[in-house]
N, C-alpha and C. Protein backbone atom coordinates (compact mmCIF):
# COMPACT_ATOMS: atom_id res chain seq x y z
N UNK A 1 13.48 47.97 21.30
CA UNK A 1 13.10 48.58 22.80
C UNK A 1 14.36 49.30 23.32
N UNK A 2 14.52 50.41 23.81
CA UNK A 2 15.63 50.79 24.41
C UNK A 2 15.82 50.38 25.90
N UNK A 3 17.22 50.54 26.20
CA UNK A 3 17.53 49.92 27.46
C UNK A 3 17.23 50.71 28.70
N UNK A 4 16.66 49.97 29.72
CA UNK A 4 15.97 50.70 30.66
C UNK A 4 17.05 51.49 31.58
N UNK A 5 16.68 52.47 32.29
CA UNK A 5 17.89 53.19 33.08
C UNK A 5 17.41 52.81 34.43
N UNK A 6 18.13 51.94 35.10
CA UNK A 6 18.27 51.25 36.34
C UNK A 6 18.91 52.39 37.36
N UNK A 7 18.30 52.16 38.54
CA UNK A 7 18.98 52.91 39.65
C UNK A 7 20.24 52.38 40.05
N UNK A 8 20.25 51.06 40.33
CA UNK A 8 21.44 50.57 40.47
C UNK A 8 21.52 48.86 39.71
N UNK A 9 22.61 48.58 39.49
CA UNK A 9 22.94 47.39 38.70
C UNK A 9 22.64 46.22 39.47
N UNK A 10 22.64 46.39 40.73
CA UNK A 10 22.09 45.11 41.57
C UNK A 10 20.81 44.86 41.63
N UNK A 11 20.02 45.98 41.52
CA UNK A 11 18.42 45.84 41.09
C UNK A 11 18.23 45.13 39.84
N UNK A 12 19.12 45.40 38.91
CA UNK A 12 18.82 45.06 37.55
C UNK A 12 18.94 43.44 37.53
N UNK A 13 20.14 43.02 38.26
CA UNK A 13 20.29 41.69 38.35
C UNK A 13 19.32 40.92 39.15
N UNK A 14 19.03 41.46 40.28
CA UNK A 14 18.01 40.65 41.04
C UNK A 14 16.60 40.49 40.24
N UNK A 15 16.19 41.63 39.68
CA UNK A 15 15.04 41.33 38.84
C UNK A 15 14.97 40.49 37.71
N UNK A 16 16.26 40.43 37.11
CA UNK A 16 16.30 39.46 36.03
C UNK A 16 16.35 37.81 36.43
N UNK A 17 17.21 37.86 37.61
CA UNK A 17 17.27 36.59 38.42
C UNK A 17 15.89 35.98 38.66
N UNK A 18 15.04 36.85 39.05
CA UNK A 18 13.65 36.60 39.48
C UNK A 18 12.91 35.52 38.65
N UNK A 19 13.02 35.57 37.34
CA UNK A 19 12.42 34.87 36.23
C UNK A 19 10.86 35.34 36.49
N UNK A 20 10.34 34.64 35.15
CA UNK A 20 8.85 34.91 34.79
C UNK A 20 7.90 34.59 36.11
N UNK A 21 7.93 33.45 36.85
CA UNK A 21 6.98 33.21 37.60
C UNK A 21 7.19 34.04 38.88
N UNK A 22 8.42 34.45 39.18
CA UNK A 22 8.94 35.26 40.44
C UNK A 22 8.18 36.77 40.28
N UNK A 23 8.37 37.07 38.94
CA UNK A 23 7.68 38.29 38.53
C UNK A 23 6.27 38.38 38.55
N UNK A 24 5.51 37.33 38.13
CA UNK A 24 4.17 37.23 38.24
C UNK A 24 3.69 37.22 39.65
N UNK A 25 4.37 36.55 40.42
CA UNK A 25 4.03 36.57 41.83
C UNK A 25 3.99 37.73 42.46
N UNK A 26 5.00 38.69 42.20
CA UNK A 26 5.12 40.03 42.67
C UNK A 26 4.10 41.07 42.08
N UNK A 27 3.87 41.00 40.93
CA UNK A 27 2.52 41.47 40.32
C UNK A 27 1.29 41.23 40.88
N UNK A 28 0.88 39.96 41.25
CA UNK A 28 0.00 39.53 41.90
C UNK A 28 -0.06 40.06 43.34
N UNK A 29 1.06 40.20 43.98
CA UNK A 29 0.58 40.92 45.17
C UNK A 29 0.50 42.43 45.17
N UNK A 30 1.10 42.87 44.22
CA UNK A 30 1.07 44.49 43.95
C UNK A 30 -0.31 44.74 43.69
N UNK A 31 -1.01 43.87 42.74
CA UNK A 31 -2.35 44.04 42.58
C UNK A 31 -3.35 44.03 43.60
N UNK A 32 -2.89 43.25 44.68
CA UNK A 32 -3.63 43.13 46.07
C UNK A 32 -3.21 44.18 46.98
N UNK A 33 -2.28 44.91 46.37
CA UNK A 33 -1.97 46.12 47.16
C UNK A 33 -0.85 45.77 48.33
N UNK A 34 -0.24 44.64 48.19
CA UNK A 34 0.67 44.07 49.18
C UNK A 34 2.24 44.21 48.75
N UNK A 35 3.15 44.59 49.43
CA UNK A 35 4.42 44.52 49.17
C UNK A 35 5.10 43.15 49.15
N UNK A 36 6.19 42.95 48.45
CA UNK A 36 6.84 41.68 48.57
C UNK A 36 7.49 41.54 49.98
N UNK A 37 7.43 40.28 50.52
CA UNK A 37 7.92 39.96 51.91
C UNK A 37 9.39 40.16 52.04
N UNK A 38 10.19 40.10 50.79
CA UNK A 38 11.49 40.23 50.96
C UNK A 38 11.77 41.83 50.62
N UNK A 39 12.59 42.22 51.60
CA UNK A 39 12.71 43.74 51.39
C UNK A 39 13.80 43.88 50.00
N UNK A 40 14.69 43.10 50.20
CA UNK A 40 15.68 43.43 48.78
C UNK A 40 14.81 43.41 47.42
N UNK A 41 13.91 42.43 47.32
CA UNK A 41 13.20 42.21 46.32
C UNK A 41 12.26 43.58 46.14
N UNK A 42 11.51 44.00 47.19
CA UNK A 42 10.90 45.12 47.25
C UNK A 42 11.63 46.36 46.48
N UNK A 43 12.90 46.43 46.75
CA UNK A 43 13.75 47.35 46.32
C UNK A 43 13.86 47.21 44.83
N UNK A 44 14.25 46.06 44.50
CA UNK A 44 14.37 45.85 42.94
C UNK A 44 12.99 45.92 42.17
N UNK A 45 12.04 46.03 42.76
CA UNK A 45 10.92 45.80 42.31
C UNK A 45 10.50 47.27 41.81
N UNK A 46 10.80 48.23 43.07
CA UNK A 46 10.73 49.73 42.95
C UNK A 46 11.46 50.24 41.85
N UNK A 47 12.81 49.87 41.91
CA UNK A 47 13.69 50.04 40.97
C UNK A 47 13.46 49.79 39.40
N UNK A 48 12.69 48.62 39.37
CA UNK A 48 12.06 48.33 38.02
C UNK A 48 10.89 49.37 37.74
N UNK A 49 10.13 49.59 38.35
CA UNK A 49 9.04 50.50 38.14
C UNK A 49 9.81 51.80 37.78
N UNK A 50 10.73 52.23 38.39
CA UNK A 50 11.39 53.60 37.93
C UNK A 50 12.00 53.48 36.58
N UNK A 51 12.42 52.29 36.24
CA UNK A 51 13.09 52.16 34.81
C UNK A 51 12.00 52.24 33.86
N UNK A 52 10.82 51.78 34.13
CA UNK A 52 9.57 51.75 33.34
C UNK A 52 8.99 53.36 33.22
N UNK A 53 8.91 53.67 34.29
CA UNK A 53 8.01 55.21 34.61
C UNK A 53 8.90 56.27 34.66
N UNK A 54 10.19 56.06 35.08
CA UNK A 54 10.88 57.32 35.47
C UNK A 54 10.82 57.52 36.99
N UNK A 55 11.80 58.35 37.48
CA UNK A 55 11.87 58.47 38.92
C UNK A 55 10.56 59.43 39.25
N UNK A 56 10.44 59.19 40.40
CA UNK A 56 8.93 60.13 40.80
C UNK A 56 9.35 61.76 40.90
N UNK A 57 10.34 62.04 41.16
CA UNK A 57 10.81 63.40 41.13
C UNK A 57 10.99 64.04 39.75
N UNK A 58 11.08 63.08 38.85
CA UNK A 58 11.20 63.56 37.44
C UNK A 58 9.78 63.60 36.50
N UNK A 59 8.84 62.94 37.09
CA UNK A 59 7.65 62.78 36.51
C UNK A 59 6.99 64.28 36.11
N UNK A 60 6.25 64.55 35.10
CA UNK A 60 5.42 65.75 35.12
C UNK A 60 3.99 65.23 35.40
N UNK A 61 3.15 66.32 35.75
CA UNK A 61 1.78 65.96 36.09
C UNK A 61 0.95 65.73 34.87
N UNK A 62 1.13 66.36 33.74
CA UNK A 62 0.12 66.31 32.61
C UNK A 62 0.78 65.86 31.39
N UNK A 63 1.04 64.54 31.48
CA UNK A 63 1.74 64.15 30.03
C UNK A 63 1.16 64.05 29.14
N UNK A 64 -0.16 63.99 28.83
CA UNK A 64 -0.91 63.87 27.85
C UNK A 64 -1.01 65.09 26.84
N UNK A 65 -0.93 66.30 27.60
CA UNK A 65 -0.68 67.67 26.59
C UNK A 65 0.69 67.56 25.97
N UNK A 66 1.70 66.94 26.75
CA UNK A 66 3.00 66.96 25.97
C UNK A 66 3.02 65.95 24.90
N UNK A 67 2.16 64.83 25.11
CA UNK A 67 2.10 63.96 23.87
C UNK A 67 1.25 64.61 22.81
N UNK A 68 0.18 65.23 22.97
CA UNK A 68 -0.52 65.84 21.83
C UNK A 68 0.39 67.05 21.13
N UNK A 69 1.02 67.64 22.19
CA UNK A 69 1.55 68.85 21.47
C UNK A 69 2.81 68.74 20.78
N UNK A 70 3.58 67.44 21.07
CA UNK A 70 4.71 67.29 20.66
C UNK A 70 4.79 65.53 19.77
N UNK A 71 3.60 65.66 19.21
CA UNK A 71 3.45 64.32 18.48
C UNK A 71 4.17 64.14 17.43
N UNK A 72 5.12 62.98 17.60
CA UNK A 72 6.00 62.56 16.37
C UNK A 72 6.18 61.37 16.32
N UNK A 73 6.79 60.41 15.62
CA UNK A 73 6.81 58.86 15.48
C UNK A 73 8.05 58.67 16.59
N UNK A 74 8.73 59.46 16.87
CA UNK A 74 10.02 59.13 18.17
C UNK A 74 9.18 59.50 19.42
N UNK A 75 7.98 60.04 19.46
CA UNK A 75 7.32 60.24 20.86
C UNK A 75 6.69 59.02 21.18
N UNK A 76 6.67 58.10 20.43
CA UNK A 76 6.13 56.88 21.00
C UNK A 76 7.11 56.15 21.76
N UNK A 77 8.50 56.51 21.46
CA UNK A 77 9.62 55.82 22.41
C UNK A 77 10.18 56.61 23.27
N UNK A 78 9.68 57.95 23.40
CA UNK A 78 10.26 58.94 24.42
C UNK A 78 9.32 58.85 25.62
N UNK A 79 9.76 59.07 26.90
CA UNK A 79 9.05 59.04 27.90
C UNK A 79 8.50 60.35 28.19
N UNK A 80 7.11 60.50 27.96
CA UNK A 80 6.67 61.96 28.39
C UNK A 80 6.52 62.40 29.62
N UNK A 81 6.85 61.35 30.60
CA UNK A 81 6.95 61.87 31.91
C UNK A 81 8.29 62.61 32.24
N UNK A 82 9.25 62.27 31.68
CA UNK A 82 10.66 62.92 32.05
C UNK A 82 11.44 63.10 30.89
N UNK A 83 11.11 62.92 29.57
CA UNK A 83 11.54 63.29 28.25
C UNK A 83 12.92 62.08 28.13
N UNK A 84 13.22 61.33 29.02
CA UNK A 84 14.11 60.04 28.65
C UNK A 84 13.65 59.22 27.93
N UNK A 85 14.44 58.20 27.33
CA UNK A 85 13.93 56.96 26.64
C UNK A 85 13.57 56.15 27.63
N UNK A 86 12.32 55.57 27.25
CA UNK A 86 11.53 54.89 28.18
C UNK A 86 11.67 53.21 27.95
N UNK A 87 11.56 52.47 28.91
CA UNK A 87 11.84 51.07 28.90
C UNK A 87 10.72 50.49 28.29
N UNK A 88 9.56 50.91 28.46
CA UNK A 88 8.35 50.11 27.70
C UNK A 88 7.14 51.18 27.85
N UNK A 89 6.37 51.18 26.40
CA UNK A 89 5.53 52.17 26.22
C UNK A 89 4.23 51.45 26.35
N UNK A 90 4.09 50.13 26.63
CA UNK A 90 2.99 49.49 26.71
C UNK A 90 2.08 49.87 27.83
N UNK A 91 0.78 50.14 27.81
CA UNK A 91 0.14 50.63 28.91
C UNK A 91 -0.02 49.52 30.06
N UNK A 92 -0.32 48.35 29.46
CA UNK A 92 -0.29 47.30 30.57
C UNK A 92 1.18 47.04 31.41
N UNK A 93 2.04 47.43 30.90
CA UNK A 93 3.53 47.22 31.59
C UNK A 93 3.62 48.44 32.42
N UNK A 94 3.05 49.48 32.22
CA UNK A 94 3.33 50.70 32.91
C UNK A 94 2.23 50.78 33.86
N UNK A 95 1.00 50.08 33.76
CA UNK A 95 0.11 49.96 34.89
C UNK A 95 0.59 48.98 35.76
N UNK A 96 1.26 48.13 35.51
CA UNK A 96 1.91 46.98 36.69
C UNK A 96 2.96 47.85 37.20
N UNK A 97 3.68 48.91 36.53
CA UNK A 97 4.84 49.22 37.22
C UNK A 97 4.24 50.37 38.23
N UNK A 98 3.38 51.12 38.01
CA UNK A 98 2.65 52.07 39.07
C UNK A 98 2.06 51.19 40.15
N UNK A 99 1.57 50.00 39.81
CA UNK A 99 1.14 49.13 41.02
C UNK A 99 2.20 48.56 42.10
N UNK A 100 3.44 48.13 41.36
CA UNK A 100 4.38 47.85 42.01
C UNK A 100 5.00 48.65 42.81
N UNK A 101 4.95 50.11 42.32
CA UNK A 101 5.68 51.38 42.94
C UNK A 101 4.69 51.46 44.23
N UNK A 102 3.35 51.70 43.85
CA UNK A 102 2.35 51.92 45.03
C UNK A 102 2.45 50.87 46.21
N UNK A 103 2.46 49.52 45.81
CA UNK A 103 2.42 48.63 46.90
C UNK A 103 4.05 48.54 47.65
N UNK A 104 5.05 48.87 47.05
CA UNK A 104 6.48 48.49 47.72
C UNK A 104 7.20 49.69 48.23
N UNK A 105 6.94 50.73 47.66
CA UNK A 105 7.57 52.15 48.12
C UNK A 105 7.15 52.44 49.51
N UNK A 106 6.05 52.63 49.95
CA UNK A 106 5.66 53.24 51.26
C UNK A 106 6.32 52.11 52.24
N UNK A 107 6.46 50.95 51.90
CA UNK A 107 6.87 49.95 52.94
C UNK A 107 8.42 50.29 53.16
N UNK A 108 9.04 50.63 52.09
CA UNK A 108 10.53 50.75 52.07
C UNK A 108 10.84 51.97 52.87
N UNK A 109 10.03 53.24 52.69
CA UNK A 109 10.14 54.56 53.17
C UNK A 109 9.89 54.22 54.65
N UNK A 110 8.83 53.32 55.22
CA UNK A 110 8.48 53.24 56.37
C UNK A 110 9.82 52.50 57.25
N UNK A 111 10.37 51.69 56.52
CA UNK A 111 11.78 50.84 56.94
C UNK A 111 12.80 52.01 57.13
N UNK A 112 12.78 53.09 56.46
CA UNK A 112 13.83 53.95 56.30
C UNK A 112 15.00 53.58 55.36
N UNK A 113 14.53 52.75 54.34
CA UNK A 113 15.51 52.20 53.28
C UNK A 113 15.74 53.25 52.27
N UNK A 114 16.87 53.70 51.82
CA UNK A 114 17.22 54.77 50.96
C UNK A 114 17.04 54.05 49.50
N UNK A 115 15.86 54.64 48.60
CA UNK A 115 15.57 54.07 47.48
C UNK A 115 16.27 54.42 46.29
N UNK A 116 17.08 55.76 46.66
CA UNK A 116 17.64 56.67 45.42
C UNK A 116 18.79 55.83 45.03
N UNK A 117 19.32 54.97 45.78
CA UNK A 117 20.45 54.30 45.09
C UNK A 117 20.62 52.68 45.34
């Protein structure tokens, strides 16, 4: 599996230190549409989702067409959203990443936190 492209190293370390149970709790909250109560953890979670999905400004609207037009074995490992190597191509992980982003990003923006770094 290719190495994820993290926005910042602190987020990567925070995510790794969270452990399995911590990540499961965060995923449960995201499935309920709730952000993490810890703002720093919310930021790390959003950065994890971007490591999986790519940054929002770099995603394309119609990735299925790209996948069909450029089908190749390597396409399974390339991110059809932005052309970079993706962290995980499993649908379940990508779905969780979308949920985590949707639950946490609006709160971070509302608080005025810079998510780009």
